[in-house]
PDB file of all heavy atoms in Angstrom:
ATOM      1  N   SER A   1       0.813  -1.216   0.003  1.00  0.00           N
ATOM      2  CA  SER A   1      -0.001   0.005   0.006  1.00  0.00           C
ATOM      3  C   SER A   1       0.841   1.266  -0.003  1.00  0.00           C
ATOM      4  O   SER A   1       0.392   2.317  -0.436  1.00  0.00           O
ATOM      5  CB  SER A   1      -0.908   0.016   1.221  1.00  0.00           C
ATOM      6  OG  SER A   1      -0.154   0.265   2.406  1.00  0.00           O
ATOM      7  N   GLN A   2       2.069   1.163   0.526  1.00  0.00           N
ATOM      8  CA  GLN A   2       2.978   2.304   0.673  1.00  0.00           C
ATOM      9  C   GLN A   2       2.361   3.423   1.521  1.00  0.00           C
ATOM     10  O   GLN A   2       2.791   4.571   1.468  1.00  0.00           O
ATOM     11  CB  GLN A   2       3.397   2.851  -0.691  1.00  0.00           C
ATOM     12  CG  GLN A   2       4.095   1.805  -1.561  1.00  0.00           C
ATOM     13  CD  GLN A   2       4.254   2.239  -2.991  1.00  0.00           C
ATOM     14  OE1 GLN A   2       4.354   3.423  -3.279  1.00  0.00           O
ATOM     15  NE2 GLN A   2       4.237   1.283  -3.900  1.00  0.00           N
ATOM     16  N   ALA A   3       1.361   3.061   2.336  1.00  0.00           N
ATOM     17  CA  ALA A   3       0.650   4.065   3.110  1.00  0.00           C
ATOM     18  C   ALA A   3       0.886   3.917   4.610  1.00  0.00           C
ATOM     19  O   ALA A   3       0.435   4.765   5.382  1.00  0.00           O
ATOM     20  CB  ALA A   3      -0.854   3.966   2.838  1.00  0.00           C
ATOM     21  N   GLU A   4       1.576   2.852   5.034  1.00  0.00           N
ATOM     22  CA  GLU A   4       1.808   2.610   6.453  1.00  0.00           C
ATOM     23  C   GLU A   4       3.231   2.145   6.682  1.00  0.00           C
ATOM     24  O   GLU A   4       3.857   1.562   5.798  1.00  0.00           O
ATOM     25  CB  GLU A   4       0.854   1.553   7.006  1.00  0.00           C
ATOM     26  CG  GLU A   4      -0.590   1.970   7.104  1.00  0.00           C
ATOM     27  CD  GLU A   4      -1.433   0.887   7.757  1.00  0.00           C
ATOM     28  OE1 GLU A   4      -1.056  -0.305   7.724  1.00  0.00           O
ATOM     29  OE2 GLU A   4      -2.476   1.249   8.329  1.00  0.00           O
ATOM     30  N   ALA A   5       3.708   2.368   7.893  1.00  0.00           N
ATOM     31  CA  ALA A   5       4.966   1.813   8.364  1.00  0.00           C
ATOM     32  C   ALA A   5       4.746   1.318   9.788  1.00  0.00           C
ATOM     33  O   ALA A   5       3.884   1.854  10.522  1.00  0.00           O
ATOM     34  CB  ALA A   5       6.083   2.827   8.319  1.00  0.00           C
ATOM     35  N   TYR A   6       5.487   0.287  10.180  1.00  0.00           N
ATOM     36  CA  TYR A   6       5.276  -0.358  11.465  1.00  0.00           C
ATOM     37  C   TYR A   6       6.554  -0.306  12.297  1.00  0.00           C
ATOM     38  O   TYR A   6       7.584  -0.841  11.891  1.00  0.00           O
ATOM     39  CB  TYR A   6       4.829  -1.803  11.260  1.00  0.00           C
ATOM     40  CG  TYR A   6       3.745  -1.914  10.217  1.00  0.00           C
ATOM     41  CD1 TYR A   6       4.016  -2.473   8.955  1.00  0.00           C
ATOM     42  CD2 TYR A   6       2.466  -1.411  10.454  1.00  0.00           C
ATOM     43  CE1 TYR A   6       3.051  -2.538   7.989  1.00  0.00           C
ATOM     44  CE2 TYR A   6       1.475  -1.480   9.480  1.00  0.00           C
ATOM     45  CZ  TYR A   6       1.782  -2.045   8.253  1.00  0.00           C
ATOM     46  OH  TYR A   6       0.793  -2.095   7.276  1.00  0.00           O
ATOM     47  N   LYS A   7       6.472   0.387  13.422  1.00  0.00           N
ATOM     48  CA  LYS A   7       7.585   0.416  14.348  1.00  0.00           C
ATOM     49  C   LYS A   7       7.554  -0.866  15.175  1.00  0.00           C
ATOM     50  O   LYS A   7       6.658  -1.091  15.969  1.00  0.00           O
ATOM     51  CB  LYS A   7       7.493   1.629  15.266  1.00  0.00           C
ATOM     52  CG  LYS A   7       7.718   2.963  14.566  1.00  0.00           C
ATOM     53  CD  LYS A   7       7.617   4.090  15.585  1.00  0.00           C
ATOM     54  CE  LYS A   7       7.834   5.457  14.972  1.00  0.00           C
ATOM     55  NZ  LYS A   7       7.656   6.530  15.983  1.00  0.00           N
ATOM     56  N   GLN A   8       8.554  -1.679  14.955  1.00  0.00           N
ATOM     57  CA  GLN A   8       8.664  -2.956  15.654  1.00  0.00           C
ATOM     58  C   GLN A   8       9.101  -2.742  17.109  1.00  0.00           C
ATOM     59  O   GLN A   8       9.679  -1.709  17.468  1.00  0.00           O
ATOM     60  CB  GLN A   8       9.719  -3.821  14.953  1.00  0.00           C
ATOM     61  CG  GLN A   8       9.373  -4.263  13.557  1.00  0.00           C
ATOM     62  CD  GLN A   8       8.533  -5.509  13.565  1.00  0.00           C
ATOM     63  OE1 GLN A   8       7.472  -5.576  14.169  1.00  0.00           O
ATOM     64  NE2 GLN A   8       9.057  -6.538  12.938  1.00  0.00           N
ATOM     65  N   PRO A   9       8.862  -3.737  17.967  1.00  0.00           N
ATOM     66  CA  PRO A   9       9.400  -3.653  19.330  1.00  0.00           C
ATOM     67  C   PRO A   9      10.906  -3.364  19.359  1.00  0.00           C
ATOM     68  O   PRO A   9      11.386  -2.699  20.278  1.00  0.00           O
ATOM     69  CB  PRO A   9       9.078  -5.028  19.913  1.00  0.00           C
ATOM     70  CG  PRO A   9       7.812  -5.436  19.215  1.00  0.00           C
ATOM     71  CD  PRO A   9       7.985  -4.916  17.805  1.00  0.00           C
ATOM     72  N   ILE A  10      11.648  -3.826  18.352  1.00  0.00           N
ATOM     73  CA  ILE A  10      13.083  -3.528  18.284  1.00  0.00           C
ATOM     74  C   ILE A  10      13.336  -2.041  18.276  1.00  0.00           C
ATOM     75  O   ILE A  10      14.279  -1.552  18.933  1.00  0.00           O
ATOM     76  CB  ILE A  10      13.690  -4.176  17.009  1.00  0.00           C
ATOM     77  CG1 ILE A  10      13.740  -5.693  17.142  1.00  0.00           C
ATOM     78  CG2 ILE A  10      15.107  -3.645  16.759  1.00  0.00           C
ATOM     79  CD1 ILE A  10      14.152  -6.403  15.870  1.00  0.00           C
ATOM     80  N   PHE A  11      12.511  -1.267  17.564  1.00  0.00           N
ATOM     81  CA  PHE A  11      12.677   0.173  17.515  1.00  0.00           C
ATOM     82  C   PHE A  11      12.651   0.772  18.915  1.00  0.00           C
ATOM     83  O   PHE A  11      13.484   1.618  19.260  1.00  0.00           O
ATOM     84  CB  PHE A  11      11.577   0.781  16.642  1.00  0.00           C
ATOM     85  CG  PHE A  11      11.571   2.287  16.609  1.00  0.00           C
ATOM     86  CD1 PHE A  11      12.325   2.963  15.679  1.00  0.00           C
ATOM     87  CD2 PHE A  11      10.800   3.010  17.512  1.00  0.00           C
ATOM     88  CE1 PHE A  11      12.325   4.357  15.643  1.00  0.00           C
ATOM     89  CE2 PHE A  11      10.782   4.394  17.490  1.00  0.00           C
ATOM     90  CZ  PHE A  11      11.561   5.069  16.550  1.00  0.00           C
ATOM     91  N   TYR A  12      11.699   0.326  19.726  1.00  0.00           N
ATOM     92  CA  TYR A  12      11.566   0.875  21.075  1.00  0.00           C
ATOM     93  C   TYR A  12      12.686   0.386  21.979  1.00  0.00           C
ATOM     94  O   TYR A  12      13.201   1.131  22.820  1.00  0.00           O
ATOM     95  CB  TYR A  12      10.176   0.533  21.626  1.00  0.00           C
ATOM     96  CG  TYR A  12       9.118   1.193  20.802  1.00  0.00           C
ATOM     97  CD1 TYR A  12       8.591   0.548  19.690  1.00  0.00           C
ATOM     98  CD2 TYR A  12       8.696   2.487  21.079  1.00  0.00           C
ATOM     99  CE1 TYR A  12       7.659   1.178  18.878  1.00  0.00           C
ATOM    100  CE2 TYR A  12       7.758   3.119  20.276  1.00  0.00           C
ATOM    101  CZ  TYR A  12       7.240   2.469  19.166  1.00  0.00           C
ATOM    102  OH  TYR A  12       6.332   3.104  18.356  1.00  0.00           O
ATOM    103  N   GLY A  13      13.091  -0.879  21.788  1.00  0.00           N
ATOM    104  CA  GLY A  13      14.245  -1.378  22.558  1.00  0.00           C
ATOM    105  C   GLY A  13      15.479  -0.556  22.302  1.00  0.00           C
ATOM    106  O   GLY A  13      16.192  -0.150  23.239  1.00  0.00           O
ATOM    107  N   LEU A  14      15.768  -0.231  21.037  1.00  0.00           N
ATOM    108  CA  LEU A  14      16.921   0.587  20.718  1.00  0.00           C
ATOM    109  C   LEU A  14      16.768   2.003  21.228  1.00  0.00           C
ATOM    110  O   LEU A  14      17.724   2.621  21.706  1.00  0.00           O
ATOM    111  CB  LEU A  14      17.131   0.598  19.201  1.00  0.00           C
ATOM    112  CG  LEU A  14      17.649  -0.710  18.584  1.00  0.00           C
ATOM    113  CD1 LEU A  14      17.581  -0.655  17.059  1.00  0.00           C
ATOM    114  CD2 LEU A  14      19.064  -1.017  19.036  1.00  0.00           C
ATOM    115  N   GLY A  15      15.561   2.539  21.158  1.00  0.00           N
ATOM    116  CA  GLY A  15      15.318   3.892  21.628  1.00  0.00           C
ATOM    117  C   GLY A  15      15.584   4.091  23.096  1.00  0.00           C
ATOM    118  O   GLY A  15      15.938   5.198  23.540  1.00  0.00           O
ATOM    119  N   HIS A  16      15.413   3.030  23.898  1.00  0.00           N
ATOM    120  CA  HIS A  16      15.698   3.132  25.329  1.00  0.00           C
ATOM    121  C   HIS A  16      17.174   3.419  25.590  1.00  0.00           C
ATOM    122  O   HIS A  16      17.528   3.948  26.642  1.00  0.00           O
ATOM    123  CB  HIS A  16      15.279   1.846  26.044  1.00  0.00           C
ATOM    124  CG  HIS A  16      13.834   1.839  26.421  1.00  0.00           C
ATOM    125  ND1 HIS A  16      13.365   2.397  27.581  1.00  0.00           N
ATOM    126  CD2 HIS A  16      12.730   1.361  25.769  1.00  0.00           C
ATOM    127  CE1 HIS A  16      12.049   2.245  27.648  1.00  0.00           C
ATOM    128  NE2 HIS A  16      11.648   1.634  26.546  1.00  0.00           N
ATOM    129  N   PHE A  17      18.026   3.095  24.639  1.00  0.00           N
ATOM    130  CA  PHE A  17      19.455   3.441  24.737  1.00  0.00           C
ATOM    131  C   PHE A  17      19.747   4.760  24.028  1.00  0.00           C
ATOM    132  O   PHE A  17      20.317   5.682  24.614  1.00  0.00           O
ATOM    133  CB  PHE A  17      20.310   2.343  24.117  1.00  0.00           C
ATOM    134  CG  PHE A  17      20.183   0.995  24.764  1.00  0.00           C
ATOM    135  CD1 PHE A  17      19.289   0.047  24.287  1.00  0.00           C
ATOM    136  CD2 PHE A  17      20.959   0.662  25.871  1.00  0.00           C
ATOM    137  CE1 PHE A  17      19.173  -1.196  24.874  1.00  0.00           C
ATOM    138  CE2 PHE A  17      20.849  -0.578  26.480  1.00  0.00           C
ATOM    139  CZ  PHE A  17      19.951  -1.514  25.974  1.00  0.00           C
ATOM    140  N   SER A  18      19.363   4.846  22.763  1.00  0.00           N
ATOM    141  CA  SER A  18      19.855   5.928  21.903  1.00  0.00           C
ATOM    142  C   SER A  18      19.344   7.305  22.314  1.00  0.00           C
ATOM    143  O   SER A  18      20.060   8.296  22.150  1.00  0.00           O
ATOM    144  CB  SER A  18      19.481   5.641  20.448  1.00  0.00           C
ATOM    145  OG  SER A  18      18.079   5.578  20.280  1.00  0.00           O
ATOM    146  N   ARG A  19      18.121   7.392  22.823  1.00  0.00           N
ATOM    147  CA  ARG A  19      17.565   8.711  23.155  1.00  0.00           C
ATOM    148  C   ARG A  19      18.136   9.256  24.469  1.00  0.00           C
ATOM    149  O   ARG A  19      18.170  10.484  24.692  1.00  0.00           O
ATOM    150  CB  ARG A  19      16.059   8.623  23.248  1.00  0.00           C
ATOM    151  CG  ARG A  19      15.357   9.951  23.595  1.00  0.00           C
ATOM    152  CD  ARG A  19      15.611  11.033  22.552  1.00  0.00           C
ATOM    153  NE  ARG A  19      15.091  12.313  23.018  1.00  0.00           N
ATOM    154  CZ  ARG A  19      13.847  12.730  22.920  1.00  0.00           C
ATOM    155  NH1 ARG A  19      12.963  11.921  22.316  1.00  0.00           N
ATOM    156  NH2 ARG A  19      13.466  13.881  23.388  1.00  0.00           N
ATOM    157  N   PHE A  20      18.577   8.380  25.342  1.00  0.00           N
ATOM    158  CA  PHE A  20      18.957   8.795  26.681  1.00  0.00           C
ATOM    159  C   PHE A  20      20.458   8.768  26.946  1.00  0.00           C
ATOM    160  O   PHE A  20      20.972   9.580  27.705  1.00  0.00           O
ATOM    161  CB  PHE A  20      18.230   7.924  27.710  1.00  0.00           C
ATOM    162  CG  PHE A  20      16.731   8.006  27.590  1.00  0.00           C
ATOM    163  CD1 PHE A  20      16.025   7.093  26.826  1.00  0.00           C
ATOM    164  CD2 PHE A  20      16.031   9.010  28.236  1.00  0.00           C
ATOM    165  CE1 PHE A  20      14.649   7.180  26.695  1.00  0.00           C
ATOM    166  CE2 PHE A  20      14.656   9.094  28.135  1.00  0.00           C
ATOM    167  CZ  PHE A  20      13.956   8.191  27.358  1.00  0.00           C
ATOM    168  N   ILE A  21      21.176   7.818  26.335  1.00  0.00           N
ATOM    169  CA  ILE A  21      22.624   7.737  26.524  1.00  0.00           C
ATOM    170  C   ILE A  21      23.240   8.639  25.464  1.00  0.00           C
ATOM    171  O   ILE A  21      23.553   8.226  24.344  1.00  0.00           O
ATOM    172  CB  ILE A  21      23.130   6.274  26.399  1.00  0.00           C
ATOM    173  CG1 ILE A  21      22.379   5.375  27.372  1.00  0.00           C
ATOM    174  CG2 ILE A  21      24.628   6.206  26.663  1.00  0.00           C
ATOM    175  CD1 ILE A  21      22.659   3.896  27.171  1.00  0.00           C
ATOM    176  N   LEU A  22      23.411   9.893  25.821  1.00  0.00           N
ATOM    177  CA  LEU A  22      23.848  10.905  24.861  1.00  0.00           C
ATOM    178  C   LEU A  22      25.346  10.823  24.596  1.00  0.00           C
ATOM    179  O   LEU A  22      26.105  10.270  25.416  1.00  0.00           O
ATOM    180  CB  LEU A  22      23.482  12.296  25.374  1.00  0.00           C
ATOM    181  CG  LEU A  22      22.005  12.542  25.656  1.00  0.00           C
ATOM    182  CD1 LEU A  22      21.777  13.991  26.081  1.00  0.00           C
ATOM    183  CD2 LEU A  22      21.143  12.202  24.437  1.00  0.00           C
ATOM    184  N   PRO A  23      25.811  11.349  23.463  1.00  0.00           N
ATOM    185  CA  PRO A  23      27.266  11.370  23.187  1.00  0.00           C
ATOM    186  C   PRO A  23      28.037  11.989  24.330  1.00  0.00           C
ATOM    187  O   PRO A  23      27.656  13.026  24.881  1.00  0.00           O
ATOM    188  CB  PRO A  23      27.334  12.223  21.920  1.00  0.00           C
ATOM    189  CG  PRO A  23      26.028  12.037  21.245  1.00  0.00           C
ATOM    190  CD  PRO A  23      25.038  11.927  22.354  1.00  0.00           C
ATOM    191  N   GLY A  24      29.126  11.328  24.707  1.00  0.00           N
ATOM    192  CA  GLY A  24      29.930  11.798  25.820  1.00  0.00           C
ATOM    193  C   GLY A  24      29.586  11.147  27.139  1.00  0.00           C
ATOM    194  O   GLY A  24      30.260  11.383  28.148  1.00  0.00           O
ATOM    195  N   SER A  25      28.532  10.315  27.146  1.00  0.00           N
ATOM    196  CA  SER A  25      28.152   9.624  28.394  1.00  0.00           C
ATOM    197  C   SER A  25      29.216   8.609  28.768  1.00  0.00           C
ATOM    198  O   SER A  25      29.770   7.893  27.930  1.00  0.00           O
ATOM    199  CB  SER A  25      26.811   8.899  28.208  1.00  0.00           C
ATOM    200  OG  SER A  25      25.770   9.824  27.955  1.00  0.00           O
ATOM    201  N   VAL A  26      29.512   8.524  30.063  1.00  0.00           N
ATOM    202  CA  VAL A  26      30.538   7.617  30.585  1.00  0.00           C
ATOM    203  C   VAL A  26      29.847   6.479  31.326  1.00  0.00           C
ATOM    204  O   VAL A  26      28.995   6.704  32.195  1.00  0.00           O
ATOM    205  CB  VAL A  26      31.500   8.353  31.537  1.00  0.00           C
ATOM    206  CG1 VAL A  26      32.526   7.398  32.121  1.00  0.00           C
ATOM    207  CG2 VAL A  26      32.202   9.492  30.778  1.00  0.00           C
ATOM    208  N   ARG A  27      30.260   5.250  31.007  1.00  0.00           N
ATOM    209  CA  ARG A  27      29.646   4.094  31.676  1.00  0.00           C
ATOM    210  C   ARG A  27      30.099   4.006  33.134  1.00  0.00           C
ATOM    211  O   ARG A  27      31.288   4.214  33.428  1.00  0.00           O
ATOM    212  CB  ARG A  27      29.996   2.795  30.946  1.00  0.00           C
ATOM    213  CG  ARG A  27      29.294   1.577  31.562  1.00  0.00           C
ATOM    214  CD  ARG A  27      29.415   0.351  30.671  1.00  0.00           C
ATOM    215  NE  ARG A  27      30.759  -0.149  30.550  1.00  0.00           N
ATOM    216  CZ  ARG A  27      31.298  -1.035  31.383  1.00  0.00           C
ATOM    217  NH1 ARG A  27      30.614  -1.497  32.426  1.00  0.00           N
ATOM    218  NH2 ARG A  27      32.542  -1.466  31.172  1.00  0.00           N
ATOM    219  N   LEU A  28      29.138   3.709  33.984  1.00  0.00           N
ATOM    220  CA  LEU A  28      29.386   3.563  35.422  1.00  0.00           C
ATOM    221  C   LEU A  28      29.226   2.119  35.828  1.00  0.00           C
ATOM    222  O   LEU A  28      28.561   1.321  35.148  1.00  0.00           O
ATOM    223  CB  LEU A  28      28.421   4.435  36.224  1.00  0.00           C
ATOM    224  CG  LEU A  28      28.354   5.918  35.860  1.00  0.00           C
ATOM    225  CD1 LEU A  28      27.285   6.609  36.702  1.00  0.00           C
ATOM    226  CD2 LEU A  28      29.704   6.591  36.017  1.00  0.00           C
ATOM    227  N   ASP A  29      29.773   1.775  36.968  1.00  0.00           N
ATOM    228  CA  ASP A  29      29.615   0.430  37.513  1.00  0.00           C
ATOM    229  C   ASP A  29      28.231   0.283  38.122  1.00  0.00           C
ATOM    230  O   ASP A  29      27.795   1.129  38.914  1.00  0.00           O
ATOM    231  CB  ASP A  29      30.670   0.163  38.571  1.00  0.00           C
ATOM    232  CG  ASP A  29      30.625  -1.270  39.078  1.00  0.00           C
ATOM    233  OD1 ASP A  29      30.942  -2.168  38.294  1.00  0.00           O
ATOM    234  OD2 ASP A  29      30.255  -1.472  40.252  1.00  0.00           O
ATOM    235  N   VAL A  30      27.524  -0.776  37.733  1.00  0.00           N
ATOM    236  CA  VAL A  30      26.181  -1.024  38.273  1.00  0.00           C
ATOM    237  C   VAL A  30      25.964  -2.522  38.327  1.00  0.00           C
ATOM    238  O   VAL A  30      26.420  -3.270  37.447  1.00  0.00           O
ATOM    239  CB  VAL A  30      25.097  -0.326  37.412  1.00  0.00           C
ATOM    240  CG1 VAL A  30      25.019  -0.918  36.013  1.00  0.00           C
ATOM    241  CG2 VAL A  30      23.741  -0.367  38.102  1.00  0.00           C
ATOM    242  N   ARG A  31      25.290  -2.987  39.372  1.00  0.00           N
ATOM    243  CA  ARG A  31      25.054  -4.412  39.538  1.00  0.00           C
ATOM    244  C   ARG A  31      23.606  -4.657  39.928  1.00  0.00           C
ATOM    245  O   ARG A  31      22.993  -3.862  40.630  1.00  0.00           O
ATOM    246  CB  ARG A  31      25.966  -4.964  40.653  1.00  0.00           C
ATOM    247  CG  ARG A  31      27.458  -4.664  40.472  1.00  0.00           C
ATOM    248  CD  ARG A  31      28.040  -5.414  39.287  1.00  0.00           C
ATOM    249  NE  ARG A  31      29.393  -4.981  38.991  1.00  0.00           N
ATOM    250  CZ  ARG A  31      30.487  -5.503  39.528  1.00  0.00           C
ATOM    251  NH1 ARG A  31      30.372  -6.479  40.441  1.00  0.00           N
ATOM    252  NH2 ARG A  31      31.684  -5.053  39.194  1.00  0.00           N
ATOM    253  N   ALA A  32      23.072  -5.807  39.479  1.00  0.00           N
ATOM    254  CA  ALA A  32      21.747  -6.272  39.893  1.00  0.00           C
ATOM    255  C   ALA A  32      21.924  -7.532  40.729  1.00  0.00           C
ATOM    256  O   ALA A  32      22.791  -8.357  40.439  1.00  0.00           O
ATOM    257  CB  ALA A  32      20.863  -6.543  38.687  1.00  0.00           C
ATOM    258  N   SER A  33      21.106  -7.655  41.768  1.00  0.00           N
ATOM    259  CA  SER A  33      21.239  -8.812  42.668  1.00  0.00           C
ATOM    260  C   SER A  33      20.647 -10.093  42.119  1.00  0.00           C
ATOM    261  O   SER A  33      20.790 -11.142  42.712  1.00  0.00           O
ATOM    262  CB  SER A  33      20.591  -8.484  44.013  1.00  0.00           C
ATOM    263  OG  SER A  33      19.187  -8.248  43.848  1.00  0.00           O
ATOM    264  N   SER A  34      19.987 -10.003  40.965  1.00  0.00           N
ATOM    265  CA  SER A  34      19.396 -11.182  40.347  1.00  0.00           C
ATOM    266  C   SER A  34      19.745 -11.222  38.867  1.00  0.00           C
ATOM    267  O   SER A  34      19.750 -10.188  38.199  1.00  0.00           O
ATOM    268  CB  SER A  34      17.867 -11.189  40.503  1.00  0.00           C
ATOM    269  OG  SER A  34      17.270 -12.179  39.695  1.00  0.00           O
TER     270      SER A  34
END
């Protein structure tokens, strides 16, 4: 149809990193107990 596009769950998974971890961000030490 060329009238629609579908944002897959992958798009949102990647966005959780790319929108918030801005250029120049430094990784910190973090641990989860599980």
